[in-house]
Amino acid sequence: QVQLKETGGGLVQAGGSLRLKCAASESTFEIYDMGWYRQRPGKEREFVASIDWSNGITHYADSMKGRFTLSRDNAANTVYLQMNSLKPEDTAMYYCKLNVEVDPPHIRPMTGGSKRAYWGQGTQVTVSS
């Protein structure tokens, strides 16, 4: 069973920075993508950022563009989320998500490929005003 270990959350003042880290516990799988979601108090979980593992292309939610940067360490199956210019509205539980390929490469052209998702336990980010 794949486990995701998230670290780096904490309390920071508005305008400050934090760096989140998410590491997968094993490498016996093929990663499709890896990224972060967040859940703010009273809100539904929302997408923050992700990175396509095959080519390194990153995707961001509009409200995070220019402030958050997602990077990876391929060999360590790890992603980092650098969060700058934090705002009180960024206060949330941040969850790491890993999507892995389920189908072997030779049958993906026929099946379109299927994915399995794994979630971390979350790390709290609190931004004070």
Foldseek 3Di string as FASTA:
>chain_A
DKAKDKDWADEEAAQAKIKMKIFIPDDPFAFQKKAKWWDDVPGDIGGAKMAGLVPGDMDGDPVQPPFWDKDDDNVRRMIMIIGGRDDQRVWTWMKMKTKTWDDDPVCCVVVVTDIDMDIHPTGTHGYHD
